[in-house]
């Protein structure tokens, strides 16, 4: 997992060749609808907004076919990270949705604020959009970068 400022995203373009296209697409969509996919070469973008949920209601998840790049555009949310081997699967991998759900200890948590980005790889289990004390408002762009499997 990578956590950084959006202003530093160019540092990762060799690792993630389509990241610039994803950022451009995210920034070009002005009148977005929550959940609608906006396609670009190598992936797609969608947007989420709302209120965070309590920590105990959030679940860890992981993806196999896409790198998840999440950009907090407004507000805040909390993020938890774990190694997959430290978690227990509760919902098997869904090929259509590219997601698998887990439960486990919240050993590594961080508040993610406006202007920050986090990048989740297939080996990263992540739990997002939660709060630890008071609900938070957030708006974010989620960039899905297709993994080229060889």
N, C-alpha and C. Protein backbone atom coordinates (compact mmCIF):
# COMPACT_ATOMS: atom_id res chain seq x y z
N UNK A 1 0.85 -1.17 0.00
CA UNK A 1 0.00 0.00 0.00
C UNK A 1 0.89 1.23 0.00
N UNK A 2 0.44 2.24 -0.70
CA UNK A 2 1.12 3.53 -0.73
C UNK A 2 0.14 4.58 -0.24
N UNK A 3 0.59 5.44 0.65
CA UNK A 3 -0.19 6.58 1.12
C UNK A 3 0.66 7.81 0.88
N UNK A 4 0.10 8.80 0.21
CA UNK A 4 0.89 9.98 -0.14
C UNK A 4 -0.05 11.15 -0.42
N UNK A 5 0.53 12.29 -0.76
CA UNK A 5 -0.23 13.45 -1.21
C UNK A 5 -0.49 13.30 -2.70
N UNK A 6 -1.66 13.72 -3.15
CA UNK A 6 -1.98 13.67 -4.57
C UNK A 6 -0.94 14.44 -5.37
N UNK A 7 -0.38 15.49 -4.83
CA UNK A 7 0.63 16.29 -5.53
C UNK A 7 1.89 15.48 -5.84
N UNK A 8 2.08 14.34 -5.22
CA UNK A 8 3.26 13.50 -5.44
C UNK A 8 2.99 12.33 -6.39
N UNK A 9 1.80 12.26 -6.98
CA UNK A 9 1.39 11.09 -7.75
C UNK A 9 2.32 10.79 -8.93
N UNK A 10 2.95 11.81 -9.52
CA UNK A 10 3.85 11.57 -10.64
C UNK A 10 5.04 10.69 -10.26
N UNK A 11 5.38 10.63 -9.00
CA UNK A 11 6.49 9.78 -8.52
C UNK A 11 6.21 8.29 -8.76
N UNK A 12 4.94 7.93 -8.99
CA UNK A 12 4.54 6.54 -9.12
C UNK A 12 4.22 6.12 -10.55
N UNK A 13 4.49 6.99 -11.54
CA UNK A 13 4.08 6.70 -12.92
C UNK A 13 4.83 5.52 -13.53
N UNK A 14 6.06 5.24 -13.09
CA UNK A 14 6.75 4.06 -13.62
C UNK A 14 6.17 2.78 -13.04
N UNK A 15 5.77 2.82 -11.80
CA UNK A 15 5.14 1.67 -11.15
C UNK A 15 3.73 1.44 -11.67
N UNK A 16 3.02 2.53 -11.94
CA UNK A 16 1.63 2.48 -12.40
C UNK A 16 1.50 3.31 -13.68
N UNK A 17 1.83 2.72 -14.83
CA UNK A 17 1.89 3.48 -16.09
C UNK A 17 0.61 4.24 -16.45
N UNK A 18 -0.56 3.78 -16.07
CA UNK A 18 -1.81 4.45 -16.44
C UNK A 18 -2.32 5.43 -15.38
N UNK A 19 -1.52 5.67 -14.35
CA UNK A 19 -1.99 6.54 -13.26
C UNK A 19 -2.30 7.95 -13.75
N UNK A 20 -1.47 8.47 -14.64
CA UNK A 20 -1.70 9.83 -15.13
C UNK A 20 -3.02 9.92 -15.89
N UNK A 21 -3.32 8.90 -16.72
CA UNK A 21 -4.59 8.88 -17.45
C UNK A 21 -5.78 8.84 -16.49
N UNK A 22 -5.63 8.07 -15.42
CA UNK A 22 -6.70 7.98 -14.43
C UNK A 22 -6.92 9.30 -13.70
N UNK A 23 -5.84 9.97 -13.33
CA UNK A 23 -5.96 11.27 -12.65
C UNK A 23 -6.58 12.30 -13.59
N UNK A 24 -6.13 12.30 -14.85
CA UNK A 24 -6.71 13.24 -15.83
C UNK A 24 -8.20 13.01 -16.00
N UNK A 25 -8.60 11.73 -16.10
CA UNK A 25 -10.02 11.42 -16.26
C UNK A 25 -10.80 11.87 -15.03
N UNK A 26 -10.27 11.57 -13.84
CA UNK A 26 -10.94 11.98 -12.60
C UNK A 26 -11.13 13.49 -12.56
N UNK A 27 -10.10 14.25 -12.93
CA UNK A 27 -10.17 15.71 -12.87
C UNK A 27 -11.03 16.30 -13.98
N UNK A 28 -11.22 15.57 -15.08
CA UNK A 28 -12.00 16.11 -16.20
C UNK A 28 -13.51 15.93 -16.03
N UNK A 29 -13.92 15.02 -15.17
CA UNK A 29 -15.35 14.77 -14.96
C UNK A 29 -15.88 15.82 -13.98
N UNK A 30 -16.76 16.67 -14.46
CA UNK A 30 -17.27 17.77 -13.63
C UNK A 30 -18.62 17.46 -12.98
N UNK A 31 -19.56 16.96 -13.73
CA UNK A 31 -20.90 16.67 -13.21
C UNK A 31 -21.07 15.17 -13.05
N UNK A 32 -20.30 14.60 -12.12
CA UNK A 32 -20.32 13.15 -11.95
C UNK A 32 -21.53 12.70 -11.15
N UNK A 33 -21.86 11.44 -11.36
CA UNK A 33 -22.93 10.80 -10.60
C UNK A 33 -22.28 9.71 -9.74
N UNK A 34 -22.61 9.65 -8.45
CA UNK A 34 -21.99 8.64 -7.58
C UNK A 34 -22.16 7.23 -8.15
N UNK A 35 -21.06 6.49 -8.19
CA UNK A 35 -21.08 5.10 -8.63
C UNK A 35 -20.97 4.90 -10.13
N UNK A 36 -21.21 5.94 -10.94
CA UNK A 36 -21.12 5.78 -12.39
C UNK A 36 -19.66 5.65 -12.80
N UNK A 37 -19.38 4.73 -13.75
CA UNK A 37 -18.01 4.49 -14.21
C UNK A 37 -17.68 5.41 -15.38
N UNK A 38 -16.49 6.01 -15.31
CA UNK A 38 -15.97 6.86 -16.37
C UNK A 38 -14.69 6.19 -16.88
N UNK A 39 -14.77 5.66 -18.09
CA UNK A 39 -13.73 4.79 -18.66
C UNK A 39 -12.58 5.62 -19.23
N UNK A 40 -11.36 5.12 -19.07
CA UNK A 40 -10.17 5.65 -19.73
C UNK A 40 -9.31 4.46 -20.13
N UNK A 41 -8.31 4.69 -20.96
CA UNK A 41 -7.40 3.63 -21.40
C UNK A 41 -6.72 3.01 -20.18
N UNK A 42 -6.99 1.74 -19.91
CA UNK A 42 -6.35 1.06 -18.79
C UNK A 42 -7.14 1.02 -17.50
N UNK A 43 -8.38 1.50 -17.53
CA UNK A 43 -9.16 1.42 -16.30
C UNK A 43 -10.39 2.30 -16.32
N UNK A 44 -10.87 2.64 -15.14
CA UNK A 44 -12.03 3.51 -15.01
C UNK A 44 -11.98 4.25 -13.68
N UNK A 45 -12.81 5.27 -13.58
CA UNK A 45 -12.93 6.10 -12.38
C UNK A 45 -14.39 6.11 -11.96
N UNK A 46 -14.64 6.12 -10.66
CA UNK A 46 -15.97 6.43 -10.15
C UNK A 46 -15.83 7.28 -8.91
N UNK A 47 -16.91 7.88 -8.48
CA UNK A 47 -16.87 8.80 -7.36
C UNK A 47 -17.80 8.32 -6.24
N UNK A 48 -17.42 8.66 -5.02
CA UNK A 48 -18.24 8.35 -3.84
C UNK A 48 -18.30 9.59 -2.96
N UNK A 49 -19.42 9.76 -2.30
CA UNK A 49 -19.53 10.83 -1.30
C UNK A 49 -20.51 10.38 -0.23
N UNK A 50 -20.35 10.95 0.95
CA UNK A 50 -21.28 10.59 2.00
C UNK A 50 -20.69 10.78 3.38
N UNK A 51 -21.21 9.99 4.30
CA UNK A 51 -20.79 10.02 5.69
C UNK A 51 -20.14 8.69 6.03
N UNK A 52 -19.04 8.76 6.74
CA UNK A 52 -18.34 7.53 7.14
C UNK A 52 -19.20 6.71 8.10
N UNK A 53 -18.89 5.42 8.16
CA UNK A 53 -19.61 4.53 9.07
C UNK A 53 -18.73 4.21 10.28
N UNK A 54 -19.32 3.72 11.37
CA UNK A 54 -18.52 3.32 12.52
C UNK A 54 -17.53 2.21 12.15
N UNK A 55 -16.38 2.22 12.78
CA UNK A 55 -15.32 1.24 12.53
C UNK A 55 -15.85 -0.19 12.56
N UNK A 56 -16.69 -0.51 13.52
CA UNK A 56 -17.16 -1.90 13.67
C UNK A 56 -18.09 -2.35 12.53
N UNK A 57 -18.57 -1.42 11.72
CA UNK A 57 -19.42 -1.78 10.58
C UNK A 57 -18.64 -1.95 9.28
N UNK A 58 -17.38 -1.55 9.28
CA UNK A 58 -16.55 -1.63 8.06
C UNK A 58 -15.89 -3.00 7.95
N UNK A 59 -15.60 -3.42 6.72
CA UNK A 59 -14.95 -4.70 6.46
C UNK A 59 -13.70 -4.48 5.62
N UNK A 60 -12.73 -5.36 5.81
CA UNK A 60 -11.56 -5.35 4.94
C UNK A 60 -11.96 -5.92 3.59
N UNK A 61 -11.30 -5.43 2.54
CA UNK A 61 -11.53 -5.98 1.21
C UNK A 61 -10.22 -6.00 0.44
N UNK A 62 -10.19 -6.81 -0.61
CA UNK A 62 -9.03 -6.88 -1.49
C UNK A 62 -9.53 -7.13 -2.91
N UNK A 63 -8.72 -6.73 -3.87
CA UNK A 63 -9.07 -6.85 -5.29
C UNK A 63 -7.96 -7.62 -6.02
N UNK A 64 -8.29 -8.31 -7.08
CA UNK A 64 -7.31 -9.10 -7.83
C UNK A 64 -7.00 -8.55 -9.21
N UNK A 65 -7.97 -7.90 -9.84
CA UNK A 65 -7.80 -7.48 -11.23
C UNK A 65 -7.50 -6.00 -11.41
N UNK A 66 -7.62 -5.23 -10.33
CA UNK A 66 -7.37 -3.79 -10.42
C UNK A 66 -6.55 -3.32 -9.22
N UNK A 67 -5.69 -2.34 -9.47
CA UNK A 67 -5.06 -1.59 -8.39
C UNK A 67 -6.06 -0.49 -8.05
N UNK A 68 -6.33 -0.31 -6.78
CA UNK A 68 -7.30 0.65 -6.28
C UNK A 68 -6.56 1.93 -5.89
N UNK A 69 -6.84 3.03 -6.56
CA UNK A 69 -6.24 4.32 -6.23
C UNK A 69 -7.36 5.22 -5.74
N UNK A 70 -7.33 5.56 -4.46
CA UNK A 70 -8.41 6.33 -3.87
C UNK A 70 -7.91 7.72 -3.48
N UNK A 71 -8.60 8.73 -3.98
CA UNK A 71 -8.20 10.13 -3.80
C UNK A 71 -9.28 10.85 -3.01
N UNK A 72 -8.94 11.35 -1.83
CA UNK A 72 -9.91 12.11 -1.04
C UNK A 72 -9.94 13.54 -1.59
N UNK A 73 -11.08 13.90 -2.18
CA UNK A 73 -11.25 15.20 -2.82
C UNK A 73 -11.75 16.26 -1.84
N UNK A 74 -12.58 15.85 -0.88
CA UNK A 74 -13.10 16.73 0.16
C UNK A 74 -13.30 15.91 1.42
N UNK A 75 -13.10 16.54 2.56
CA UNK A 75 -13.38 15.88 3.83
C UNK A 75 -12.29 14.92 4.26
N UNK A 76 -12.73 13.90 5.02
CA UNK A 76 -11.81 12.94 5.64
C UNK A 76 -12.47 11.57 5.74
N UNK A 77 -11.64 10.56 5.88
CA UNK A 77 -12.07 9.20 6.21
C UNK A 77 -10.91 8.52 6.91
N UNK A 78 -11.18 7.40 7.54
CA UNK A 78 -10.11 6.59 8.10
C UNK A 78 -9.90 5.38 7.20
N UNK A 79 -8.66 4.89 7.22
CA UNK A 79 -8.24 3.74 6.43
C UNK A 79 -7.51 2.77 7.34
N UNK A 80 -7.80 1.49 7.20
CA UNK A 80 -7.05 0.46 7.91
C UNK A 80 -6.42 -0.45 6.87
N UNK A 81 -5.25 -0.97 7.17
CA UNK A 81 -4.52 -1.88 6.29
C UNK A 81 -4.16 -3.14 7.06
N UNK A 82 -4.12 -4.27 6.34
CA UNK A 82 -3.68 -5.53 6.93
C UNK A 82 -3.14 -6.44 5.84
N UNK A 83 -2.27 -7.34 6.25
CA UNK A 83 -1.85 -8.40 5.35
C UNK A 83 -3.01 -9.39 5.23
N UNK A 84 -3.21 -9.90 4.03
CA UNK A 84 -4.31 -10.85 3.81
C UNK A 84 -4.19 -12.07 4.71
N UNK A 85 -2.97 -12.52 4.97
CA UNK A 85 -2.77 -13.73 5.77
C UNK A 85 -3.18 -13.55 7.23
N UNK A 86 -3.36 -12.30 7.67
CA UNK A 86 -3.76 -12.05 9.05
C UNK A 86 -5.27 -11.94 9.22
N UNK A 87 -6.03 -12.13 8.13
CA UNK A 87 -7.47 -11.94 8.16
C UNK A 87 -8.23 -13.24 7.91
N UNK A 88 -9.52 -13.21 8.20
CA UNK A 88 -10.41 -14.34 7.95
C UNK A 88 -11.41 -13.93 6.87
N UNK A 89 -11.50 -14.72 5.83
CA UNK A 89 -12.44 -14.44 4.75
C UNK A 89 -13.87 -14.60 5.25
N UNK A 90 -14.73 -13.61 4.91
CA UNK A 90 -16.15 -13.73 5.25
C UNK A 90 -17.03 -13.76 4.01
N UNK A 91 -16.54 -13.20 2.90
CA UNK A 91 -17.25 -13.26 1.63
C UNK A 91 -16.23 -13.67 0.57
N UNK A 92 -16.44 -14.81 -0.08
CA UNK A 92 -15.48 -15.28 -1.09
C UNK A 92 -15.34 -14.29 -2.25
N UNK A 93 -14.27 -14.45 -2.98
CA UNK A 93 -13.98 -13.57 -4.11
C UNK A 93 -15.12 -13.59 -5.12
N UNK A 94 -15.57 -12.39 -5.50
CA UNK A 94 -16.62 -12.23 -6.50
C UNK A 94 -15.94 -11.71 -7.76
N UNK A 95 -15.87 -12.55 -8.79
CA UNK A 95 -15.19 -12.20 -10.03
C UNK A 95 -15.81 -10.98 -10.70
N UNK A 96 -17.12 -10.92 -10.73
CA UNK A 96 -17.82 -9.81 -11.38
C UNK A 96 -17.52 -8.47 -10.72
N UNK A 97 -17.48 -8.43 -9.39
CA UNK A 97 -17.23 -7.19 -8.66
C UNK A 97 -15.75 -7.00 -8.31
N UNK A 98 -14.92 -8.02 -8.58
CA UNK A 98 -13.50 -7.99 -8.24
C UNK A 98 -13.27 -7.60 -6.78
N UNK A 99 -13.94 -8.32 -5.88
CA UNK A 99 -13.77 -8.02 -4.46
C UNK A 99 -13.92 -9.28 -3.62
N UNK A 100 -13.16 -9.32 -2.55
CA UNK A 100 -13.21 -10.37 -1.54
C UNK A 100 -13.23 -9.64 -0.20
N UNK A 101 -14.05 -10.11 0.75
CA UNK A 101 -14.22 -9.42 2.04
C UNK A 101 -13.64 -10.25 3.18
N UNK A 102 -13.14 -9.53 4.18
CA UNK A 102 -12.46 -10.16 5.32
C UNK A 102 -12.80 -9.44 6.62
N UNK A 103 -12.52 -10.11 7.73
CA UNK A 103 -12.55 -9.49 9.06
C UNK A 103 -11.22 -9.79 9.73
N UNK A 104 -10.89 -8.95 10.70
CA UNK A 104 -9.65 -9.14 11.44
C UNK A 104 -9.31 -7.91 12.25
N UNK A 105 -8.16 -7.97 12.87
CA UNK A 105 -7.70 -6.91 13.76
C UNK A 105 -7.40 -5.62 12.99
N UNK A 106 -7.74 -4.50 13.61
CA UNK A 106 -7.46 -3.18 13.04
C UNK A 106 -6.15 -2.64 13.60
N UNK A 107 -5.06 -3.28 13.28
CA UNK A 107 -3.77 -2.92 13.87
C UNK A 107 -3.16 -1.66 13.27
N UNK A 108 -3.48 -1.35 12.01
CA UNK A 108 -2.84 -0.23 11.32
C UNK A 108 -3.92 0.69 10.74
N UNK A 109 -4.11 1.84 11.36
CA UNK A 109 -5.15 2.77 10.92
C UNK A 109 -4.56 4.17 10.76
N UNK A 110 -5.16 4.93 9.82
CA UNK A 110 -4.70 6.30 9.59
C UNK A 110 -5.85 7.15 9.07
N UNK A 111 -5.87 8.41 9.49
CA UNK A 111 -6.85 9.34 8.96
C UNK A 111 -6.34 9.85 7.62
N UNK A 112 -7.19 9.79 6.60
CA UNK A 112 -6.86 10.25 5.25
C UNK A 112 -7.67 11.51 5.01
N UNK A 113 -6.98 12.59 4.66
CA UNK A 113 -7.62 13.90 4.52
C UNK A 113 -7.60 14.37 3.08
N UNK A 114 -8.35 15.43 2.84
CA UNK A 114 -8.43 16.04 1.52
C UNK A 114 -7.03 16.25 0.93
N UNK A 115 -6.87 15.83 -0.33
CA UNK A 115 -5.59 15.98 -1.01
C UNK A 115 -4.67 14.79 -0.85
N UNK A 116 -5.10 13.78 -0.10
CA UNK A 116 -4.29 12.57 0.07
C UNK A 116 -4.80 11.47 -0.86
N UNK A 117 -3.92 10.54 -1.17
CA UNK A 117 -4.24 9.40 -2.02
C UNK A 117 -3.68 8.14 -1.38
N UNK A 118 -4.41 7.03 -1.53
CA UNK A 118 -3.84 5.75 -1.13
C UNK A 118 -4.05 4.75 -2.25
N UNK A 119 -3.03 3.91 -2.43
CA UNK A 119 -2.97 2.97 -3.53
C UNK A 119 -2.92 1.56 -2.95
N UNK A 120 -3.91 0.76 -3.30
CA UNK A 120 -4.03 -0.60 -2.76
C UNK A 120 -3.77 -1.62 -3.87
N UNK A 121 -2.83 -2.50 -3.61
CA UNK A 121 -2.46 -3.56 -4.54
C UNK A 121 -3.20 -4.85 -4.16
N UNK A 122 -3.19 -5.86 -5.02
CA UNK A 122 -3.92 -7.10 -4.71
C UNK A 122 -3.51 -7.77 -3.39
N UNK A 123 -2.31 -7.54 -2.93
CA UNK A 123 -1.85 -8.15 -1.68
C UNK A 123 -2.19 -7.30 -0.46
N UNK A 124 -2.83 -6.15 -0.68
CA UNK A 124 -3.22 -5.26 0.42
C UNK A 124 -4.69 -5.44 0.76
N UNK A 125 -4.97 -5.78 1.99
CA UNK A 125 -6.36 -5.74 2.46
C UNK A 125 -6.56 -4.34 3.04
N UNK A 126 -7.65 -3.70 2.66
CA UNK A 126 -7.91 -2.35 3.15
C UNK A 126 -9.36 -2.21 3.58
N UNK A 127 -9.52 -1.38 4.58
CA UNK A 127 -10.84 -1.06 5.12
C UNK A 127 -10.93 0.47 5.07
N UNK A 128 -11.95 0.98 4.39
CA UNK A 128 -12.03 2.43 4.19
C UNK A 128 -13.41 2.96 4.59
N UNK A 129 -13.54 4.27 4.50
CA UNK A 129 -14.79 5.00 4.71
C UNK A 129 -15.38 4.72 6.10
N UNK A 130 -14.55 4.81 7.13
CA UNK A 130 -15.06 4.64 8.49
C UNK A 130 -14.52 5.76 9.37
N UNK A 131 -15.03 5.85 10.58
CA UNK A 131 -14.55 6.82 11.56
C UNK A 131 -14.31 6.10 12.88
N UNK A 132 -13.52 6.73 13.75
CA UNK A 132 -13.23 6.12 15.05
C UNK A 132 -13.96 6.80 16.20
N UNK A 133 -14.43 8.02 15.99
CA UNK A 133 -15.20 8.69 17.05
C UNK A 133 -16.46 9.34 16.46
N UNK A 134 -16.32 10.43 15.73
CA UNK A 134 -17.47 11.13 15.15
C UNK A 134 -17.54 10.89 13.64
N UNK A 135 -18.75 10.79 13.09
CA UNK A 135 -18.89 10.63 11.64
C UNK A 135 -18.20 11.77 10.88
N UNK A 136 -17.66 11.43 9.74
CA UNK A 136 -16.96 12.39 8.88
C UNK A 136 -17.64 12.45 7.52
N UNK A 137 -17.58 13.59 6.88
CA UNK A 137 -18.08 13.74 5.52
C UNK A 137 -16.90 13.56 4.57
N UNK A 138 -17.16 12.98 3.41
CA UNK A 138 -16.08 12.76 2.45
C UNK A 138 -16.63 12.78 1.02
N UNK A 139 -15.77 13.12 0.09
CA UNK A 139 -15.98 12.96 -1.34
C UNK A 139 -14.67 12.42 -1.87
N UNK A 140 -14.73 11.37 -2.67
CA UNK A 140 -13.48 10.84 -3.22
C UNK A 140 -13.68 10.28 -4.61
N UNK A 141 -12.57 10.27 -5.33
CA UNK A 141 -12.51 9.63 -6.63
C UNK A 141 -11.78 8.31 -6.46
N UNK A 142 -12.32 7.25 -7.04
CA UNK A 142 -11.67 5.93 -6.98
C UNK A 142 -11.26 5.58 -8.40
N UNK A 143 -9.96 5.43 -8.59
CA UNK A 143 -9.40 5.07 -9.89
C UNK A 143 -9.05 3.59 -9.85
N UNK A 144 -9.57 2.85 -10.80
CA UNK A 144 -9.28 1.41 -10.91
C UNK A 144 -8.34 1.23 -12.09
N UNK A 145 -7.12 0.77 -11.82
CA UNK A 145 -6.13 0.54 -12.85
C UNK A 145 -6.05 -0.97 -13.12
N UNK A 146 -6.36 -1.36 -14.34
CA UNK A 146 -6.35 -2.77 -14.73
C UNK A 146 -4.95 -3.34 -14.60
N UNK A 147 -4.87 -4.53 -14.01
CA UNK A 147 -3.59 -5.22 -13.87
C UNK A 147 -3.40 -6.07 -15.11
N UNK A 148 -2.26 -5.89 -15.75
CA UNK A 148 -1.91 -6.70 -16.93
C UNK A 148 -1.25 -7.97 -16.45
N UNK A 149 -1.98 -9.07 -16.48
CA UNK A 149 -1.46 -10.36 -16.02
C UNK A 149 -0.75 -11.05 -17.17
N UNK A 150 0.41 -11.60 -16.87
CA UNK A 150 1.19 -12.28 -17.91
C UNK A 150 1.14 -13.77 -17.74
